[in-house]
Amino acid sequence: MTTPRKARLPLGELIDQIKPSPTLTISPLADSMKARGEDVLSFSAGEPDFDTPVTVKEAAKRALDEGRTKYAAVSGLLALRDAVAREYNKRGFDVTANNVVVSVGAKHSIYQLLMVMLNPGDEVIIPSPYWVSYPDMVALARGTSVIVHGDEAHGFKITADQLEAAITDKTRLLILNTPSNPTGAVYSKAELEALAEVVERHQIGVLFDAIYDQLIYTGEPPAEFATLRPGLFDLTVTVNGLSKSHAMTGWRVGYIVAPEHICKAVSKLQSQSTSGITTFVQYASVVALEEVIDEPLEMREHFDRRRKLLLEGMRSIEGVTCLEPEGAFYAFPNFSAYLGKTGPDGVIANDLDLAAFLLKHCGVALVPGSAFGAPGYARLSYATSDEKIKDGIERIRCGLMKLT
């Protein structure tokens, strides 16, 4: 009697084109090493290490006690969309709740936008270094990523001339992320205005990812791309959320501010996928937007101190260069001088090998720059304590000095 062959459910071709998020892979690996009793310092997580403000948690509890646990409107509670609209009107917008859709985090917002805005073969210009998920989400939407390199000499930012050269008749969107994940680079208003002139002339769309806009250390207010020129709002979708500004990563609250027809399309897609986000979380989010002021400012002060500490430490390591990050909570040092050297496991051929060496032999977890389109670099999050930053710097220094 023959044994029946075990059935295997098929997978679609598209999923094979998608890479797992490196930033969501390295943190669990570091955590598993910690669980085995190994001494690991992780600089890989992209989330504040502070707790959600008490006022927000109390609002969520209150909403639960009041029975606010039923389905909410697909596009978000009117009270929350109104709160977002009021916040953006303070920044020079002229929007209503109809210009807002609330989704399951800013990542979900971006994914849905790409799904409703792209046709197969449409090109999306993505400056590098870029957030790891942009190219894969473009691929999921059947688009084509066009990577434009913002090098270290130009502060990891692209110029208007570079944007102009990258535009073709297939260009549909430009993705701009400022402050940047992974570099912490912040586009000045003048730099954005130069890009805006090109955008307006070619009438391409802009996905403006502003999730870190409350974490800027230059003293300048965040620049809003949609308000730089009359008519730019019609070409711009602004993406934001509460994850970074209010230490609410696990609450999954993101939103877009966009022309009404874009919001209707995103809401239609959301109605057939996730529907509205968790109801009691939305009531708490209204409180976060309208009542919580001091905690985000205090969090930014701590990040600023840690930023300076990590920057000084990285620059003190021989052969390592590091631009000053002006926003977010990441530094992006250049470790290229150590590629080609030899460690306990052989030649350090690339930044992935270097990251593996530092994790295995120094107990330091960071994300290799190749994940962000920048080989030879690495992203370190300073959303951790001063003590761990100091310890991590010394571990990295000692490990690198042992390479030959």
Protein backbone atom coordinates (compact mmCIF):
# COMPACT_ATOMS: atom_id res chain seq x y z
CA MET A 1 0.00 0.00 0.00
CA THR A 2 1.45 3.33 -1.02
CA THR A 3 1.51 6.24 1.39
CA PRO A 4 -0.51 9.17 0.07
CA ARG A 5 1.61 12.16 -0.79
CA LYS A 6 1.11 14.94 1.72
CA ALA A 7 -0.83 17.80 0.20
CA ARG A 8 0.75 21.25 0.05
CA LEU A 9 -1.36 24.35 -0.34
CA PRO A 10 -0.09 26.56 -3.17
CA LEU A 11 1.19 30.10 -2.76
CA GLY A 12 0.70 32.91 -5.21
CA GLU A 13 3.68 34.19 -7.19
CA LEU A 14 3.54 37.68 -5.71
CA ILE A 15 4.42 36.66 -2.15
CA ASP A 16 7.74 35.23 -3.33
CA GLN A 17 8.77 38.75 -4.37
CA ILE A 18 8.32 40.07 -0.84
CA LYS A 19 11.06 40.04 1.79
CA PRO A 20 10.29 39.82 5.52
CA SER A 21 10.88 43.13 7.29
CA PRO A 22 14.50 43.02 8.60
CA THR A 23 13.65 45.32 11.49
CA LEU A 24 10.95 42.90 12.63
CA THR A 25 13.29 39.93 12.22
CA ILE A 26 16.35 41.11 14.12
CA SER A 27 14.54 42.19 17.29
CA PRO A 28 12.96 38.73 17.84
CA LEU A 29 16.38 37.11 17.19
CA ALA A 30 17.95 39.32 19.85
CA ASP A 31 15.04 38.54 22.17
CA SER A 32 15.51 34.79 21.66
CA MET A 33 19.18 35.13 22.56
CA LYS A 34 18.19 37.03 25.70
CA ALA A 35 15.71 34.26 26.54
CA ARG A 36 18.59 31.77 26.43
CA GLY A 37 20.39 33.87 29.00
CA GLU A 38 22.75 35.63 26.61
CA ASP A 39 23.70 39.25 27.27
CA VAL A 40 22.34 41.21 24.31
CA LEU A 41 21.86 44.94 23.84
CA SER A 42 19.35 45.71 21.10
CA PHE A 43 19.52 48.89 19.03
CA SER A 44 17.17 47.50 16.40
CA ALA A 45 13.69 48.37 17.64
CA GLY A 46 11.87 51.25 15.97
CA GLU A 47 9.69 52.23 18.90
CA PRO A 48 9.94 54.53 21.92
CA ASP A 49 10.96 52.81 25.14
CA PHE A 50 8.58 55.03 27.11
CA ASP A 51 5.15 53.99 28.31
CA THR A 52 1.96 55.34 26.75
CA PRO A 53 0.82 58.45 28.67
CA VAL A 54 -1.40 57.62 31.65
CA THR A 55 -4.11 59.99 30.40
CA VAL A 56 -4.44 57.94 27.22
CA LYS A 57 -4.55 54.62 29.06
CA GLU A 58 -7.20 55.95 31.41
CA ALA A 59 -9.28 57.14 28.44
CA ALA A 60 -9.12 53.64 26.95
CA LYS A 61 -10.23 52.09 30.25
CA ARG A 62 -13.05 54.59 30.50
CA ALA A 63 -14.20 53.78 26.97
CA LEU A 64 -14.23 50.08 27.85
CA ASP A 65 -16.22 50.72 31.01
CA GLU A 66 -18.72 52.75 28.98
CA GLY A 67 -19.21 49.86 26.57
CA ARG A 68 -17.57 51.52 23.57
CA THR A 69 -16.67 48.16 22.09
CA LYS A 70 -18.92 47.90 19.04
CA TYR A 71 -18.00 48.36 15.40
CA ALA A 72 -16.87 51.86 14.48
CA ALA A 73 -17.21 53.61 11.13
CA VAL A 74 -14.85 52.13 8.55
CA SER A 75 -12.91 55.36 8.07
CA GLY A 76 -12.69 56.05 11.80
CA LEU A 77 -14.81 57.63 14.50
CA LEU A 78 -16.04 61.07 13.51
CA ALA A 79 -14.66 62.45 16.79
CA LEU A 80 -11.18 61.16 15.96
CA ARG A 81 -11.25 62.31 12.35
CA ASP A 82 -12.41 65.72 13.54
CA ALA A 83 -9.51 65.81 16.01
CA VAL A 84 -7.00 64.99 13.28
CA ALA A 85 -8.52 67.64 10.99
CA ARG A 86 -8.33 70.28 13.75
CA GLU A 87 -4.70 69.39 14.40
CA TYR A 88 -3.81 69.78 10.75
CA ASN A 89 -5.76 72.99 10.35
CA LYS A 90 -3.48 74.43 13.03
CA ARG A 91 -0.63 73.59 10.65
CA GLY A 92 -2.07 75.56 7.74
CA PHE A 93 -4.37 72.97 6.15
CA ASP A 94 -8.02 73.56 5.31
CA VAL A 95 -9.56 70.12 5.86
CA THR A 96 -12.51 68.40 7.49
CA ALA A 97 -13.15 64.90 8.77
CA ASN A 98 -13.89 63.92 5.15
CA ASN A 99 -10.19 64.38 4.42
CA VAL A 100 -9.13 61.86 7.07
CA VAL A 101 -9.08 58.05 7.20
CA VAL A 102 -7.92 56.20 10.31
CA SER A 103 -6.18 52.86 9.75
CA VAL A 104 -4.30 50.13 11.63
CA GLY A 105 -1.09 52.11 11.99
CA ALA A 106 0.75 54.33 9.52
CA LYS A 107 2.18 51.25 7.76
CA HIS A 108 -1.36 50.12 6.97
CA SER A 109 -2.19 53.61 5.75
CA ILE A 110 0.75 53.58 3.33
CA TYR A 111 -0.06 50.07 2.10
CA GLN A 112 -3.66 51.01 1.35
CA LEU A 113 -2.66 54.22 -0.39
CA LEU A 114 -0.35 52.35 -2.73
CA MET A 115 -3.04 49.77 -3.43
CA VAL A 116 -5.62 52.37 -4.43
CA MET A 117 -3.29 54.74 -6.30
CA LEU A 118 -1.09 52.43 -8.41
CA ASN A 119 -1.74 50.53 -11.61
CA PRO A 120 0.54 47.71 -12.73
CA GLY A 121 3.84 49.17 -13.94
CA ASP A 122 3.38 52.60 -12.38
CA GLU A 123 6.67 53.95 -11.05
CA VAL A 124 7.20 55.19 -7.49
CA ILE A 125 10.29 57.27 -6.75
CA ILE A 126 11.81 56.27 -3.41
CA PRO A 127 14.81 58.18 -2.04
CA SER A 128 17.38 55.97 -0.36
CA PRO A 129 18.23 55.25 2.37
CA TYR A 130 14.57 54.30 2.68
CA TRP A 131 12.30 52.66 5.21
CA VAL A 132 12.51 48.93 4.56
CA SER A 133 8.83 48.42 3.73
CA TYR A 134 8.39 50.95 0.91
CA PRO A 135 9.74 48.85 -2.00
CA ASP A 136 7.93 45.69 -0.94
CA MET A 137 4.63 47.50 -0.53
CA VAL A 138 5.07 49.03 -3.98
CA ALA A 139 5.66 45.53 -5.34
CA LEU A 140 2.50 44.28 -3.63
CA ALA A 141 0.59 47.04 -5.38
CA ARG A 142 2.11 45.86 -8.72
CA GLY A 143 4.14 49.04 -9.04
CA THR A 144 7.83 49.56 -9.81
CA SER A 145 10.22 51.19 -7.35
CA VAL A 146 12.68 53.73 -8.75
CA ILE A 147 15.41 54.24 -6.16
CA VAL A 148 17.15 57.63 -6.07
CA HIS A 149 20.22 57.68 -3.85
CA GLY A 150 20.64 60.42 -1.28
CA ASP A 151 24.28 60.05 -0.27
CA GLU A 152 26.08 60.96 2.92
CA ALA A 153 27.68 64.03 1.32
CA HIS A 154 24.19 65.50 0.78
CA GLY A 155 22.85 64.56 4.21
CA PHE A 156 21.09 61.45 2.88
CA LYS A 157 18.62 63.70 1.03
CA ILE A 158 17.83 63.92 -2.67
CA THR A 159 17.91 67.14 -4.67
CA ALA A 160 15.42 68.65 -7.07
CA ASP A 161 17.77 67.82 -9.95
CA GLN A 162 17.84 64.15 -8.93
CA LEU A 163 14.07 64.08 -8.73
CA GLU A 164 13.76 65.71 -12.14
CA ALA A 165 16.09 63.14 -13.69
CA ALA A 166 14.13 60.22 -12.22
CA ILE A 167 10.70 61.24 -13.51
CA THR A 168 9.33 59.42 -16.55
CA ASP A 169 5.93 59.19 -18.17
CA LYS A 170 5.24 56.23 -15.86
CA THR A 171 5.94 58.12 -12.63
CA ARG A 172 2.90 58.15 -10.36
CA LEU A 173 4.28 58.93 -6.90
CA LEU A 174 7.20 60.27 -4.91
CA ILE A 175 7.57 58.97 -1.35
CA LEU A 176 9.10 61.47 1.05
CA ASN A 177 9.89 60.55 4.66
CA THR A 178 11.05 63.36 6.92
CA PRO A 179 12.36 62.98 9.57
CA SER A 180 13.84 59.87 8.01
CA ASN A 181 13.84 56.30 9.11
CA PRO A 182 16.69 55.15 9.01
CA THR A 183 18.97 58.22 8.89
CA GLY A 184 17.25 60.83 11.06
CA ALA A 185 17.68 63.31 8.18
CA VAL A 186 15.24 66.22 8.10
CA TYR A 187 14.42 68.07 4.89
CA SER A 188 14.42 71.83 5.41
CA LYS A 189 11.54 73.91 4.16
CA ALA A 190 13.75 75.27 1.38
CA GLU A 191 14.72 71.75 0.28
CA LEU A 192 11.09 70.67 0.23
CA GLU A 193 10.10 73.78 -1.73
CA ALA A 194 12.68 72.90 -4.40
CA LEU A 195 11.21 69.40 -4.67
CA ALA A 196 7.69 70.85 -4.67
CA GLU A 197 8.47 72.93 -7.75
CA VAL A 198 9.37 69.76 -9.66
CA VAL A 199 6.35 67.89 -8.33
CA GLU A 200 3.98 70.64 -9.34
CA ARG A 201 5.47 71.05 -12.80
CA HIS A 202 5.17 67.33 -13.54
CA GLN A 203 1.90 66.87 -11.61
CA ILE A 204 3.05 63.72 -9.82
CA GLY A 205 1.68 62.62 -6.46
CA VAL A 206 3.53 62.75 -3.16
CA LEU A 207 3.14 60.33 -0.29
CA PHE A 208 4.47 62.41 2.61
CA ASP A 209 5.36 60.12 5.51
CA ALA A 210 5.54 62.36 8.58
CA ILE A 211 5.31 59.74 11.33
CA TYR A 212 8.36 61.19 13.14
CA ASP A 213 7.42 64.85 12.74
CA GLN A 214 7.18 65.47 16.49
CA LEU A 215 10.76 64.27 16.97
CA ILE A 216 12.81 67.08 15.42
CA TYR A 217 15.79 68.48 17.34
CA THR A 218 16.69 71.55 15.28
CA GLY A 219 14.16 73.81 16.96
CA GLU A 220 12.28 74.24 13.68
CA PRO A 221 8.61 73.22 13.39
CA PRO A 222 7.86 70.33 11.04
CA ALA A 223 7.39 71.44 7.44
CA GLU A 224 4.16 70.33 5.78
CA PHE A 225 4.64 69.49 2.10
CA ALA A 226 0.95 69.93 1.27
CA THR A 227 0.94 73.58 2.35
CA LEU A 228 4.15 74.74 0.67
CA ARG A 229 2.39 75.99 -2.49
CA PRO A 230 -1.22 76.60 -3.51
CA GLY A 231 -2.54 73.45 -5.16
CA LEU A 232 -0.03 71.07 -3.58
CA PHE A 233 -2.66 69.63 -1.25
CA ASP A 234 -4.38 68.17 -4.31
CA LEU A 235 -1.19 66.22 -5.12
CA THR A 236 -0.23 65.19 -1.58
CA VAL A 237 -1.26 62.49 0.86
CA THR A 238 0.12 63.07 4.37
CA VAL A 239 0.57 59.99 6.53
CA ASN A 240 0.93 60.18 10.29
CA GLY A 241 -0.09 58.42 13.49
CA LEU A 242 0.41 58.20 17.23
CA SER A 243 3.01 55.43 17.43
CA LYS A 244 6.14 57.57 17.72
CA SER A 245 4.77 60.85 19.06
CA HIS A 246 2.80 59.29 21.92
CA ALA A 247 4.62 55.97 22.49
CA MET A 248 1.58 54.09 21.19
CA THR A 249 3.18 51.60 18.80
CA GLY A 250 1.09 48.64 19.94
CA TRP A 251 -2.17 50.59 19.79
CA ARG A 252 -1.95 50.68 15.98
CA VAL A 253 -3.34 54.10 15.15
CA GLY A 254 -2.39 55.67 11.84
CA TYR A 255 -4.18 58.09 9.55
CA ILE A 256 -4.01 59.94 6.28
CA VAL A 257 -4.90 63.53 5.48
CA ALA A 258 -5.71 63.71 1.79
CA PRO A 259 -8.04 64.90 -0.95
CA GLU A 260 -11.53 63.54 -0.43
CA HIS A 261 -11.56 61.18 -3.42
CA ILE A 262 -8.39 59.48 -2.09
CA CYS A 263 -10.01 59.08 1.32
CA LYS A 264 -13.11 57.54 -0.24
CA ALA A 265 -10.98 55.04 -2.17
CA VAL A 266 -8.94 54.08 0.89
CA SER A 267 -12.11 53.72 2.95
CA LYS A 268 -13.61 51.48 0.26
CA LEU A 269 -10.55 49.21 0.36
CA GLN A 270 -10.55 49.22 4.15
CA SER A 271 -14.22 48.22 4.16
CA GLN A 272 -13.26 44.99 2.40
CA SER A 273 -10.16 44.26 4.46
CA THR A 274 -9.87 45.34 8.09
CA SER A 275 -12.94 47.57 8.50
CA GLY A 276 -12.53 50.19 11.22
CA ILE A 277 -9.81 49.96 13.87
CA THR A 278 -10.45 49.02 17.50
CA THR A 279 -13.19 51.28 18.81
CA PHE A 280 -12.08 52.00 22.37
CA VAL A 281 -8.57 52.77 21.09
CA GLN A 282 -10.04 55.52 18.93
CA TYR A 283 -11.67 57.20 21.91
CA ALA A 284 -8.31 57.14 23.68
CA SER A 285 -6.66 58.56 20.56
CA VAL A 286 -8.90 61.63 20.66
CA VAL A 287 -7.58 62.30 24.15
CA ALA A 288 -3.99 61.75 22.93
CA LEU A 289 -4.41 64.37 20.21
CA GLU A 290 -6.32 66.93 22.21
CA GLU A 291 -5.16 66.64 25.81
CA VAL A 292 -1.68 65.09 25.96
CA ILE A 293 0.97 67.78 25.55
CA ASP A 294 3.75 67.47 28.13
CA GLU A 295 4.67 63.78 27.76
CA PRO A 296 5.67 63.96 24.05
CA LEU A 297 7.81 67.02 24.75
CA GLU A 298 9.50 65.29 27.68
CA MET A 299 10.11 62.20 25.56
CA ARG A 300 11.72 64.36 22.86
CA GLU A 301 14.08 65.89 25.44
CA HIS A 302 15.26 62.43 26.49
CA PHE A 303 15.75 61.38 22.87
CA ASP A 304 17.75 64.53 22.18
CA ARG A 305 20.15 63.75 25.03
CA ARG A 306 20.54 60.15 23.86
CA ARG A 307 21.02 61.31 20.26
CA LYS A 308 24.02 63.39 21.27
CA LEU A 309 25.41 60.56 23.39
CA LEU A 310 25.21 58.01 20.58
CA LEU A 311 26.54 60.45 17.98
CA GLU A 312 29.56 61.30 20.12
CA GLY A 313 30.19 57.62 20.78
CA MET A 314 29.99 56.57 17.14
CA ARG A 315 32.29 59.36 16.06
CA SER A 316 34.83 58.31 18.70
CA ILE A 317 35.30 54.89 17.05
CA GLU A 318 38.21 54.84 14.64
CA GLY A 319 37.12 54.44 11.03
CA VAL A 320 33.42 55.09 11.69
CA THR A 321 31.72 58.22 10.37
CA CYS A 322 28.26 59.33 11.43
CA LEU A 323 26.17 62.28 10.26
CA GLU A 324 24.22 64.08 12.95
CA PRO A 325 20.61 62.88 12.92
CA GLU A 326 18.25 65.86 13.18
CA GLY A 327 15.07 63.89 13.85
CA ALA A 328 13.44 60.54 14.67
CA PHE A 329 15.46 58.32 17.05
CA TYR A 330 18.03 56.71 14.78
CA ALA A 331 21.68 57.17 13.93
CA PHE A 332 23.08 55.79 10.67
CA PRO A 333 26.84 55.34 11.00
CA ASN A 334 29.09 54.25 8.14
CA PHE A 335 31.04 51.07 8.92
CA SER A 336 32.48 50.61 5.41
CA ALA A 337 36.06 50.87 6.72
CA TYR A 338 35.59 47.50 8.44
CA LEU A 339 34.26 45.59 5.47
CA GLY A 340 36.85 43.17 4.10
CA LYS A 341 38.41 42.62 7.50
CA THR A 342 38.46 39.19 9.13
CA GLY A 343 36.68 38.06 12.28
CA PRO A 344 36.24 34.76 14.14
CA ASP A 345 33.86 33.43 11.48
CA GLY A 346 35.82 34.59 8.45
CA VAL A 347 35.84 37.65 6.22
CA ILE A 348 33.36 40.44 6.97
CA ALA A 349 32.29 40.77 3.35
CA ASN A 350 29.33 43.13 3.84
CA ASP A 351 27.20 44.93 6.39
CA LEU A 352 25.07 41.80 6.95
CA ASP A 353 28.20 39.91 8.01
CA LEU A 354 29.15 42.80 10.25
CA ALA A 355 25.73 42.83 11.91
CA ALA A 356 25.95 39.05 12.45
CA PHE A 357 29.44 39.42 13.96
CA LEU A 358 28.36 42.19 16.34
CA LEU A 359 25.32 40.21 17.47
CA LYS A 360 27.08 36.87 17.92
CA HIS A 361 30.40 38.03 19.37
CA CYS A 362 29.60 41.40 20.98
CA GLY A 363 25.97 41.01 22.01
CA VAL A 364 24.84 44.07 20.05
CA ALA A 365 21.82 43.97 17.72
CA LEU A 366 21.56 46.56 14.97
CA VAL A 367 20.02 46.63 11.50
CA PRO A 368 22.39 46.43 8.50
CA GLY A 369 22.20 49.31 6.06
CA SER A 370 21.51 47.04 3.09
CA ALA A 371 17.97 46.64 4.43
CA PHE A 372 17.52 50.37 3.77
CA GLY A 373 19.26 50.46 0.40
CA ALA A 374 22.56 51.67 1.88
CA PRO A 375 25.22 48.92 2.05
CA GLY A 376 28.05 49.54 4.48
CA TYR A 377 25.92 51.43 6.98
CA ALA A 378 23.84 50.32 9.96
CA ARG A 379 20.85 51.74 11.78
CA LEU A 380 21.04 52.11 15.53
CA SER A 381 17.98 53.17 17.49
CA TYR A 382 18.63 55.34 20.52
CA ALA A 383 15.20 54.56 21.93
CA THR A 384 16.94 52.93 24.86
CA SER A 385 18.63 54.01 28.09
CA ASP A 386 21.79 56.10 28.40
CA GLU A 387 23.52 53.21 30.14
CA LYS A 388 22.76 50.78 27.32
CA ILE A 389 23.93 53.30 24.73
CA LYS A 390 27.26 53.72 26.53
CA ASP A 391 27.68 49.97 26.97
CA GLY A 392 26.73 49.30 23.36
CA ILE A 393 29.24 51.83 22.03
CA GLU A 394 32.05 50.17 23.97
CA ARG A 395 31.01 46.72 22.82
CA ILE A 396 31.00 47.85 19.20
CA ARG A 397 34.37 49.59 19.64
CA CYS A 398 36.00 46.54 21.24
CA GLY A 399 34.53 44.19 18.63
CA LEU A 400 35.69 46.28 15.67
CA MET A 401 39.21 46.62 17.11
CA LYS A 402 39.52 42.82 17.11
CA LEU A 403 38.93 42.57 13.37
CA THR A 404 42.11 42.15 11.34
